[in-house]
Amino acid sequence: MRIASVSHAVFAATLIGLGILGLINGDLAALWQPLPQGMSASGVLVYLCSFVCLACGLGMLWQHTTTLAARTLLGYLLLWLLVLRMPGLLRSFTVEFWYSACQTAVIVSAAWVLYVWFAADWDKRRLGFATGDSGLHIARVLCGLALIPFGIAHFLYLKQTAVLVPAWLSSPVGWSYFTGAAYIAAGVALIIGVYAPLAAALVALQMGLITLLVWTPVVIAGPSTSQWQEAIVSVMLTAGAWVVADSYRLSPRPSTRVL
């Protein structure tokens, strides 16, 4: 196995889990939903998305396939974002679509960081704009752009956000405002590059705490289908944000451990 960081391992493991769930349930994982109007989750699409998650997750842990897996995942996610998310967003500017577009963008940014880390000489010669410092900059800005709507949603949908705050935490409205402002501040920091490493680390920590404190109890209690999907998305976003945060801590091409 080839491991560049704990975040790399967690991100790959999460992809593997999504792929397995998709193959078992025969349904699109939360990462790929919703689909544009008129497009159905056919069996071919379900198994294609599940296979991409499973194969790329496994491939990014195997020494000889990390580059191919990272390149494939980034290409597939970018295609999904540009072809299915952005046009749908422009045609129907609903919460469901713009929020899902931002979720996809965070995962794309993480995949882009991993591609930079594992880029081979061929990638650097042919796709230089997507590798090295330029690739990392694009990934970080994309993540920052996605975080700002997350924060805005906390203010626009305050009631729906506040009810998710655990009962043992006082002032759910206050926590909703705080986390929303934190998302916006982190997004701006990543875009302009001011205190960006700290902002990336803190937003990854915030997502991790939300996953732990909000969604873990829900899953333990027996979630509904929508709650289960939200929990999976939270885990995926945490893993993605963690990878982006590590892009500041590690070099453009971190040393890897072969296990």
C-alpha atoms as a PDB file:
ATOM      1  CA  MET A   1       0.000   0.000   0.000  1.00  0.00           C
ATOM      2  CA  ARG A   2       1.086   3.561  -0.708  1.00  0.00           C
ATOM      3  CA  ILE A   3       0.000   6.131   1.888  1.00  0.00           C
ATOM      4  CA  ALA A   4       0.866   9.818   1.638  1.00  0.00           C
ATOM      5  CA  SER A   5      -1.095  10.939   4.714  1.00  0.00           C
ATOM      6  CA  VAL A   6      -3.856   9.869   7.045  1.00  0.00           C
ATOM      7  CA  SER A   7      -6.258  12.086   5.102  1.00  0.00           C
ATOM      8  CA  HIS A   8      -5.314  10.281   1.898  1.00  0.00           C
ATOM      9  CA  ALA A   9      -6.081   6.918   3.511  1.00  0.00           C
ATOM     10  CA  VAL A  10      -9.401   8.131   4.966  1.00  0.00           C
ATOM     11  CA  PHE A  11     -10.472   9.671   1.651  1.00  0.00           C
ATOM     12  CA  ALA A  12      -9.664   6.462  -0.217  1.00  0.00           C
ATOM     13  CA  ALA A  13     -11.429   4.332   2.402  1.00  0.00           C
ATOM     14  CA  THR A  14     -14.525   6.530   2.160  1.00  0.00           C
ATOM     15  CA  LEU A  15     -14.582   6.098  -1.615  1.00  0.00           C
ATOM     16  CA  ILE A  16     -14.309   2.342  -1.189  1.00  0.00           C
ATOM     17  CA  GLY A  17     -17.224   2.401   1.255  1.00  0.00           C
ATOM     18  CA  LEU A  18     -19.364   4.452  -1.147  1.00  0.00           C
ATOM     19  CA  GLY A  19     -18.580   2.053  -3.957  1.00  0.00           C
ATOM     20  CA  ILE A  20     -19.489  -1.004  -1.902  1.00  0.00           C
ATOM     21  CA  LEU A  21     -22.731   0.576  -0.673  1.00  0.00           C
ATOM     22  CA  GLY A  22     -23.720   1.476  -4.221  1.00  0.00           C
ATOM     23  CA  LEU A  23     -23.080  -2.039  -5.494  1.00  0.00           C
ATOM     24  CA  ILE A  24     -24.953  -3.642  -2.588  1.00  0.00           C
ATOM     25  CA  ASN A  25     -27.952  -1.302  -2.584  1.00  0.00           C
ATOM     26  CA  GLY A  26     -28.137  -0.836  -6.355  1.00  0.00           C
ATOM     27  CA  ASP A  27     -28.669   2.889  -5.841  1.00  0.00           C
ATOM     28  CA  LEU A  28     -26.641   6.047  -6.396  1.00  0.00           C
ATOM     29  CA  ALA A  29     -24.604   7.109  -3.383  1.00  0.00           C
ATOM     30  CA  ALA A  30     -25.267  10.528  -1.902  1.00  0.00           C
ATOM     31  CA  LEU A  31     -22.191  11.932  -3.656  1.00  0.00           C
ATOM     32  CA  TRP A  32     -23.904  11.606  -7.049  1.00  0.00           C
ATOM     33  CA  GLN A  33     -27.357  12.878  -6.101  1.00  0.00           C
ATOM     34  CA  PRO A  34     -29.560  14.590  -7.130  1.00  0.00           C
ATOM     35  CA  LEU A  35     -29.674  13.992 -10.868  1.00  0.00           C
ATOM     36  CA  PRO A  36     -30.951  16.637 -13.293  1.00  0.00           C
ATOM     37  CA  GLN A  37     -34.644  16.499 -14.134  1.00  0.00           C
ATOM     38  CA  GLY A  38     -35.388  13.912 -16.778  1.00  0.00           C
ATOM     39  CA  MET A  39     -32.301  11.839 -16.013  1.00  0.00           C
ATOM     40  CA  SER A  40     -32.950   8.573 -14.211  1.00  0.00           C
ATOM     41  CA  ALA A  41     -30.622   6.593 -11.985  1.00  0.00           C
ATOM     42  CA  SER A  42     -30.401   3.667 -14.370  1.00  0.00           C
ATOM     43  CA  GLY A  43     -28.616   0.483 -13.439  1.00  0.00           C
ATOM     44  CA  VAL A  44     -25.727   1.309 -15.766  1.00  0.00           C
ATOM     45  CA  LEU A  45     -25.169   4.711 -14.158  1.00  0.00           C
ATOM     46  CA  VAL A  46     -25.456   3.320 -10.627  1.00  0.00           C
ATOM     47  CA  TYR A  47     -22.912   0.603 -11.231  1.00  0.00           C
ATOM     48  CA  LEU A  48     -20.597   2.907 -13.172  1.00  0.00           C
ATOM     49  CA  CYS A  49     -20.463   5.451 -10.321  1.00  0.00           C
ATOM     50  CA  SER A  50     -20.084   2.703  -7.738  1.00  0.00           C
ATOM     51  CA  PHE A  51     -17.310   1.052  -9.718  1.00  0.00           C
ATOM     52  CA  VAL A  52     -15.459   4.365 -10.139  1.00  0.00           C
ATOM     53  CA  CYS A  53     -15.583   4.961  -6.373  1.00  0.00           C
ATOM     54  CA  LEU A  54     -14.473   1.437  -5.531  1.00  0.00           C
ATOM     55  CA  ALA A  55     -11.768   1.175  -8.183  1.00  0.00           C
ATOM     56  CA  CYS A  56     -10.311   4.639  -7.568  1.00  0.00           C
ATOM     57  CA  GLY A  57     -10.421   4.206  -3.802  1.00  0.00           C
ATOM     58  CA  LEU A  58      -8.545   0.919  -4.029  1.00  0.00           C
ATOM     59  CA  GLY A  59      -6.247   2.257  -6.735  1.00  0.00           C
ATOM     60  CA  MET A  60      -5.143   5.208  -4.633  1.00  0.00           C
ATOM     61  CA  LEU A  61      -3.900   2.824  -1.952  1.00  0.00           C
ATOM     62  CA  TRP A  62      -1.914   0.614  -4.319  1.00  0.00           C
ATOM     63  CA  GLN A  63       1.630   1.696  -5.109  1.00  0.00           C
ATOM     64  CA  HIS A  64       1.513   1.132  -8.864  1.00  0.00           C
ATOM     65  CA  THR A  65      -1.934   2.605  -9.526  1.00  0.00           C
ATOM     66  CA  THR A  66      -2.102   5.792  -7.449  1.00  0.00           C
ATOM     67  CA  THR A  67      -1.468   8.094 -10.406  1.00  0.00           C
ATOM     68  CA  LEU A  68      -4.007   6.406 -12.671  1.00  0.00           C
ATOM     69  CA  ALA A  69      -6.607   6.289  -9.894  1.00  0.00           C
ATOM     70  CA  ALA A  70      -6.164   9.957  -8.964  1.00  0.00           C
ATOM     71  CA  ARG A  71      -6.246  11.030 -12.627  1.00  0.00           C
ATOM     72  CA  THR A  72      -9.361   8.959 -13.330  1.00  0.00           C
ATOM     73  CA  LEU A  73     -11.217  10.156 -10.246  1.00  0.00           C
ATOM     74  CA  LEU A  74     -10.442  13.807 -10.939  1.00  0.00           C
ATOM     75  CA  GLY A  75     -11.529  13.501 -14.567  1.00  0.00           C
ATOM     76  CA  TYR A  76     -14.765  11.698 -13.682  1.00  0.00           C
ATOM     77  CA  LEU A  77     -15.661  14.156 -10.906  1.00  0.00           C
ATOM     78  CA  LEU A  78     -14.864  17.190 -13.052  1.00  0.00           C
ATOM     79  CA  LEU A  79     -17.048  15.775 -15.812  1.00  0.00           C
ATOM     80  CA  TRP A  80     -19.868  15.227 -13.315  1.00  0.00           C
ATOM     81  CA  LEU A  81     -19.492  18.766 -11.956  1.00  0.00           C
ATOM     82  CA  LEU A  82     -19.334  20.517 -15.328  1.00  0.00           C
ATOM     83  CA  VAL A  83     -21.817  18.414 -17.303  1.00  0.00           C
ATOM     84  CA  LEU A  84     -24.428  17.437 -14.703  1.00  0.00           C
ATOM     85  CA  ARG A  85     -24.096  19.874 -11.809  1.00  0.00           C
ATOM     86  CA  MET A  86     -23.468  23.273 -13.390  1.00  0.00           C
ATOM     87  CA  PRO A  87     -26.097  23.120 -16.193  1.00  0.00           C
ATOM     88  CA  GLY A  88     -28.668  21.787 -13.724  1.00  0.00           C
ATOM     89  CA  LEU A  89     -27.746  24.574 -11.345  1.00  0.00           C
ATOM     90  CA  LEU A  90     -28.258  27.219 -14.020  1.00  0.00           C
ATOM     91  CA  ARG A  91     -31.574  25.762 -15.212  1.00  0.00           C
ATOM     92  CA  SER A  92     -33.035  25.278 -11.749  1.00  0.00           C
ATOM     93  CA  PHE A  93     -31.395  27.372  -9.062  1.00  0.00           C
ATOM     94  CA  THR A  94     -32.754  25.402  -6.142  1.00  0.00           C
ATOM     95  CA  VAL A  95     -31.136  24.652  -2.798  1.00  0.00           C
ATOM     96  CA  GLU A  96     -30.869  20.998  -3.716  1.00  0.00           C
ATOM     97  CA  PHE A  97     -28.825  21.690  -6.822  1.00  0.00           C
ATOM     98  CA  TRP A  98     -26.512  24.476  -5.703  1.00  0.00           C
ATOM     99  CA  TYR A  99     -25.780  22.708  -2.427  1.00  0.00           C
ATOM    100  CA  SER A 100     -25.005  19.445  -4.229  1.00  0.00           C
ATOM    101  CA  ALA A 101     -22.813  21.342  -6.702  1.00  0.00           C
ATOM    102  CA  CYS A 102     -20.785  22.753  -3.811  1.00  0.00           C
ATOM    103  CA  GLN A 103     -20.484  19.305  -2.235  1.00  0.00           C
ATOM    104  CA  THR A 104     -19.166  17.921  -5.505  1.00  0.00           C
ATOM    105  CA  ALA A 105     -16.737  20.842  -5.776  1.00  0.00           C
ATOM    106  CA  VAL A 106     -15.195  20.033  -2.379  1.00  0.00           C
ATOM    107  CA  ILE A 107     -14.651  16.409  -3.429  1.00  0.00           C
ATOM    108  CA  VAL A 108     -13.213  17.574  -6.764  1.00  0.00           C
ATOM    109  CA  SER A 109     -10.759  19.814  -4.921  1.00  0.00           C
ATOM    110  CA  ALA A 110      -9.601  16.878  -2.786  1.00  0.00           C
ATOM    111  CA  ALA A 111      -9.217  14.657  -5.852  1.00  0.00           C
ATOM    112  CA  TRP A 112      -7.218  17.441  -7.506  1.00  0.00           C
ATOM    113  CA  VAL A 113      -4.837  17.652  -4.540  1.00  0.00           C
ATOM    114  CA  LEU A 114      -4.299  13.894  -4.702  1.00  0.00           C
ATOM    115  CA  TYR A 115      -3.667  14.135  -8.438  1.00  0.00           C
ATOM    116  CA  VAL A 116      -0.993  16.766  -7.817  1.00  0.00           C
ATOM    117  CA  TRP A 117       0.589  14.571  -5.162  1.00  0.00           C
ATOM    118  CA  PHE A 118       0.735  11.506  -7.373  1.00  0.00           C
ATOM    119  CA  ALA A 119       1.238  13.108 -10.795  1.00  0.00           C
ATOM    120  CA  ALA A 120       3.708  11.207 -12.935  1.00  0.00           C
ATOM    121  CA  ASP A 121       6.231  12.736 -15.335  1.00  0.00           C
ATOM    122  CA  TRP A 122       3.756  12.273 -18.198  1.00  0.00           C
ATOM    123  CA  ASP A 123       1.146  14.336 -16.312  1.00  0.00           C
ATOM    124  CA  LYS A 124       3.642  17.079 -15.557  1.00  0.00           C
ATOM    125  CA  ARG A 125       4.681  17.342 -19.208  1.00  0.00           C
ATOM    126  CA  ARG A 126       1.225  17.123 -20.784  1.00  0.00           C
ATOM    127  CA  LEU A 127      -0.982  18.600 -18.045  1.00  0.00           C
ATOM    128  CA  GLY A 128       1.353  21.017 -16.325  1.00  0.00           C
ATOM    129  CA  PHE A 129      -1.438  23.505 -15.538  1.00  0.00           C
ATOM    130  CA  ALA A 130      -3.165  20.877 -13.399  1.00  0.00           C
ATOM    131  CA  THR A 131      -0.102  19.759 -11.475  1.00  0.00           C
ATOM    132  CA  GLY A 132       2.394  21.381  -9.128  1.00  0.00           C
ATOM    133  CA  ASP A 133       1.657  24.712  -7.478  1.00  0.00           C
ATOM    134  CA  SER A 134      -0.855  25.744 -10.144  1.00  0.00           C
ATOM    135  CA  GLY A 135      -2.903  22.615  -9.577  1.00  0.00           C
ATOM    136  CA  LEU A 136      -2.873  23.072  -5.823  1.00  0.00           C
ATOM    137  CA  HIS A 137      -3.953  26.699  -6.214  1.00  0.00           C
ATOM    138  CA  ILE A 138      -6.910  25.722  -8.405  1.00  0.00           C
ATOM    139  CA  ALA A 139      -7.956  23.006  -5.953  1.00  0.00           C
ATOM    140  CA  ARG A 140      -7.795  25.336  -2.959  1.00  0.00           C
ATOM    141  CA  VAL A 141      -9.724  28.143  -4.649  1.00  0.00           C
ATOM    142  CA  LEU A 142     -12.382  25.684  -5.817  1.00  0.00           C
ATOM    143  CA  CYS A 143     -12.760  24.423  -2.260  1.00  0.00           C
ATOM    144  CA  GLY A 144     -13.003  27.991  -0.980  1.00  0.00           C
ATOM    145  CA  LEU A 145     -15.700  28.865  -3.506  1.00  0.00           C
ATOM    146  CA  ALA A 146     -17.698  25.822  -2.392  1.00  0.00           C
ATOM    147  CA  LEU A 147     -17.435  26.624   1.318  1.00  0.00           C
ATOM    148  CA  ILE A 148     -19.039  30.076   1.072  1.00  0.00           C
ATOM    149  CA  PRO A 149     -22.504  28.791   0.032  1.00  0.00           C
ATOM    150  CA  PHE A 150     -22.285  26.250   2.875  1.00  0.00           C
ATOM    151  CA  GLY A 151     -21.998  29.147   5.278  1.00  0.00           C
ATOM    152  CA  ILE A 152     -24.709  31.203   3.599  1.00  0.00           C
ATOM    153  CA  ALA A 153     -27.070  28.222   3.873  1.00  0.00           C
ATOM    154  CA  HIS A 154     -26.680  28.280   7.659  1.00  0.00           C
ATOM    155  CA  PHE A 155     -28.081  31.815   7.678  1.00  0.00           C
ATOM    156  CA  LEU A 156     -30.778  31.346   5.040  1.00  0.00           C
ATOM    157  CA  TYR A 157     -32.006  28.096   6.583  1.00  0.00           C
ATOM    158  CA  LEU A 158     -31.349  28.894  10.213  1.00  0.00           C
ATOM    159  CA  LYS A 159     -34.277  26.885  11.578  1.00  0.00           C
ATOM    160  CA  GLN A 160     -33.309  23.712   9.712  1.00  0.00           C
ATOM    161  CA  THR A 161     -29.682  24.119  10.813  1.00  0.00           C
ATOM    162  CA  ALA A 162     -30.433  24.863  14.463  1.00  0.00           C
ATOM    163  CA  VAL A 163     -32.470  21.676  14.962  1.00  0.00           C
ATOM    164  CA  LEU A 164     -29.384  19.639  14.042  1.00  0.00           C
ATOM    165  CA  VAL A 165     -27.362  21.071  16.929  1.00  0.00           C
ATOM    166  CA  PRO A 166     -27.136  18.479  19.742  1.00  0.00           C
ATOM    167  CA  ALA A 167     -29.503  19.202  22.622  1.00  0.00           C
ATOM    168  CA  TRP A 168     -26.689  19.232  25.185  1.00  0.00           C
ATOM    169  CA  LEU A 169     -25.089  22.198  23.436  1.00  0.00           C
ATOM    170  CA  SER A 170     -26.663  25.468  24.518  1.00  0.00           C
ATOM    171  CA  SER A 171     -27.757  28.157  22.058  1.00  0.00           C
ATOM    172  CA  PRO A 172     -28.354  26.178  18.858  1.00  0.00           C
ATOM    173  CA  VAL A 173     -29.008  29.395  16.959  1.00  0.00           C
ATOM    174  CA  GLY A 174     -25.693  30.800  18.126  1.00  0.00           C
ATOM    175  CA  TRP A 175     -23.852  27.666  16.999  1.00  0.00           C
ATOM    176  CA  SER A 176     -25.619  27.825  13.636  1.00  0.00           C
ATOM    177  CA  TYR A 177     -24.487  31.406  13.116  1.00  0.00           C
ATOM    178  CA  PHE A 178     -20.967  30.587  14.285  1.00  0.00           C
ATOM    179  CA  THR A 179     -20.475  27.580  12.007  1.00  0.00           C
ATOM    180  CA  GLY A 180     -22.006  29.446   9.069  1.00  0.00           C
ATOM    181  CA  ALA A 181     -19.663  32.393   9.583  1.00  0.00           C
ATOM    182  CA  ALA A 182     -16.735  29.990   9.948  1.00  0.00           C
ATOM    183  CA  TYR A 183     -17.506  28.394   6.570  1.00  0.00           C
ATOM    184  CA  ILE A 184     -17.667  31.792   4.886  1.00  0.00           C
ATOM    185  CA  ALA A 185     -14.469  33.030   6.534  1.00  0.00           C
ATOM    186  CA  ALA A 186     -12.612  29.836   5.634  1.00  0.00           C
ATOM    187  CA  GLY A 187     -13.825  30.048   2.041  1.00  0.00           C
ATOM    188  CA  VAL A 188     -12.625  33.625   1.683  1.00  0.00           C
ATOM    189  CA  ALA A 189      -9.277  32.741   3.278  1.00  0.00           C
ATOM    190  CA  LEU A 190      -8.710  29.888   0.828  1.00  0.00           C
ATOM    191  CA  ILE A 191      -9.582  32.087  -2.147  1.00  0.00           C
ATOM    192  CA  ILE A 192      -7.368  35.054  -1.249  1.00  0.00           C
ATOM    193  CA  GLY A 193      -4.645  33.013   0.441  1.00  0.00           C
ATOM    194  CA  VAL A 194      -4.653  34.849   3.766  1.00  0.00           C
ATOM    195  CA  TYR A 195      -4.321  32.514   6.785  1.00  0.00           C
ATOM    196  CA  ALA A 196      -5.342  29.795   4.339  1.00  0.00           C
ATOM    197  CA  PRO A 197      -3.510  26.872   6.020  1.00  0.00           C
ATOM    198  CA  LEU A 198      -5.145  27.668   9.370  1.00  0.00           C
ATOM    199  CA  ALA A 199      -8.550  28.185   7.763  1.00  0.00           C
ATOM    200  CA  ALA A 200      -8.333  24.875   5.883  1.00  0.00           C
ATOM    201  CA  ALA A 201      -7.342  22.986   9.016  1.00  0.00           C
ATOM    202  CA  LEU A 202     -10.112  24.567  11.089  1.00  0.00           C
ATOM    203  CA  VAL A 203     -12.834  23.952   8.506  1.00  0.00           C
ATOM    204  CA  ALA A 204     -11.781  20.308   8.226  1.00  0.00           C
ATOM    205  CA  LEU A 205     -11.963  20.086  12.027  1.00  0.00           C
ATOM    206  CA  GLN A 206     -15.402  21.730  11.995  1.00  0.00           C
ATOM    207  CA  MET A 207     -16.707  19.265   9.422  1.00  0.00           C
ATOM    208  CA  GLY A 208     -15.276  16.387  11.434  1.00  0.00           C
ATOM    209  CA  LEU A 209     -16.935  17.608  14.624  1.00  0.00           C
ATOM    210  CA  ILE A 210     -20.263  18.065  12.836  1.00  0.00           C
ATOM    211  CA  THR A 211     -19.995  14.503  11.544  1.00  0.00           C
ATOM    212  CA  LEU A 212     -19.154  13.218  15.021  1.00  0.00           C
ATOM    213  CA  LEU A 213     -21.581  15.269  17.120  1.00  0.00           C
ATOM    214  CA  VAL A 214     -24.539  15.600  14.750  1.00  0.00           C
ATOM    215  CA  TRP A 215     -24.600  12.599  12.448  1.00  0.00           C
ATOM    216  CA  THR A 216     -23.049   9.832  14.537  1.00  0.00           C
ATOM    217  CA  PRO A 217     -25.899   9.889  17.117  1.00  0.00           C
ATOM    218  CA  VAL A 218     -28.439   9.960  14.270  1.00  0.00           C
ATOM    219  CA  VAL A 219     -26.876   6.907  12.638  1.00  0.00           C
ATOM    220  CA  ILE A 220     -26.734   5.052  15.958  1.00  0.00           C
ATOM    221  CA  ALA A 221     -30.403   5.833  16.618  1.00  0.00           C
ATOM    222  CA  GLY A 222     -31.458   4.400  13.264  1.00  0.00           C
ATOM    223  CA  PRO A 223     -31.602   7.032  10.538  1.00  0.00           C
ATOM    224  CA  SER A 224     -34.132   7.544   7.800  1.00  0.00           C
ATOM    225  CA  THR A 225     -32.921   7.254   4.218  1.00  0.00           C
ATOM    226  CA  SER A 226     -32.397  11.009   3.902  1.00  0.00           C
ATOM    227  CA  GLN A 227     -30.543  11.185   7.227  1.00  0.00           C
ATOM    228  CA  TRP A 228     -28.323   8.269   6.228  1.00  0.00           C
ATOM    229  CA  GLN A 229     -27.489  10.056   2.970  1.00  0.00           C
ATOM    230  CA  GLU A 230     -26.667  13.261   4.837  1.00  0.00           C
ATOM    231  CA  ALA A 231     -24.388  11.372   7.212  1.00  0.00           C
ATOM    232  CA  ILE A 232     -22.507   9.792   4.303  1.00  0.00           C
ATOM    233  CA  VAL A 233     -22.110  13.190   2.645  1.00  0.00           C
ATOM    234  CA  SER A 234     -20.751  14.636   5.896  1.00  0.00           C
ATOM    235  CA  VAL A 235     -18.119  11.884   6.127  1.00  0.00           C
ATOM    236  CA  MET A 236     -17.127  12.417   2.495  1.00  0.00           C
ATOM    237  CA  LEU A 237     -16.875  16.188   2.892  1.00  0.00           C
ATOM    238  CA  THR A 238     -14.789  15.790   6.049  1.00  0.00           C
ATOM    239  CA  ALA A 239     -12.368  13.499   4.239  1.00  0.00           C
ATOM    240  CA  GLY A 240     -12.183  15.884   1.285  1.00  0.00           C
ATOM    241  CA  ALA A 241     -11.599  18.975   3.426  1.00  0.00           C
ATOM    242  CA  TRP A 242      -8.917  17.081   5.355  1.00  0.00           C
ATOM    243  CA  VAL A 243      -7.029  16.335   2.139  1.00  0.00           C
ATOM    244  CA  VAL A 244      -7.180  20.015   1.136  1.00  0.00           C
ATOM    245  CA  ALA A 245      -5.915  21.032   4.583  1.00  0.00           C
ATOM    246  CA  ASP A 246      -3.006  18.618   4.247  1.00  0.00           C
ATOM    247  CA  SER A 247      -2.066  20.219   0.935  1.00  0.00           C
ATOM    248  CA  TYR A 248      -0.716  23.152   2.973  1.00  0.00           C
ATOM    249  CA  ARG A 249       1.032  21.018   5.565  1.00  0.00           C
ATOM    250  CA  LEU A 250       2.716  18.652   3.134  1.00  0.00           C
ATOM    251  CA  SER A 251       4.935  19.432   0.182  1.00  0.00           C
ATOM    252  CA  PRO A 252       3.482  19.493  -3.364  1.00  0.00           C
ATOM    253  CA  ARG A 253       4.618  15.908  -3.666  1.00  0.00           C
ATOM    254  CA  PRO A 254       4.693  14.383  -0.169  1.00  0.00           C
ATOM    255  CA  SER A 255       6.804  11.377   0.639  1.00  0.00           C
ATOM    256  CA  THR A 256       4.757   8.188   0.745  1.00  0.00           C
ATOM    257  CA  ARG A 257       4.944   5.167   2.991  1.00  0.00           C
ATOM    258  CA  VAL A 258       4.743   1.765   1.433  1.00  0.00           C
ATOM    259  CA  LEU A 259       2.985  -0.659   3.784  1.00  0.00           C
END
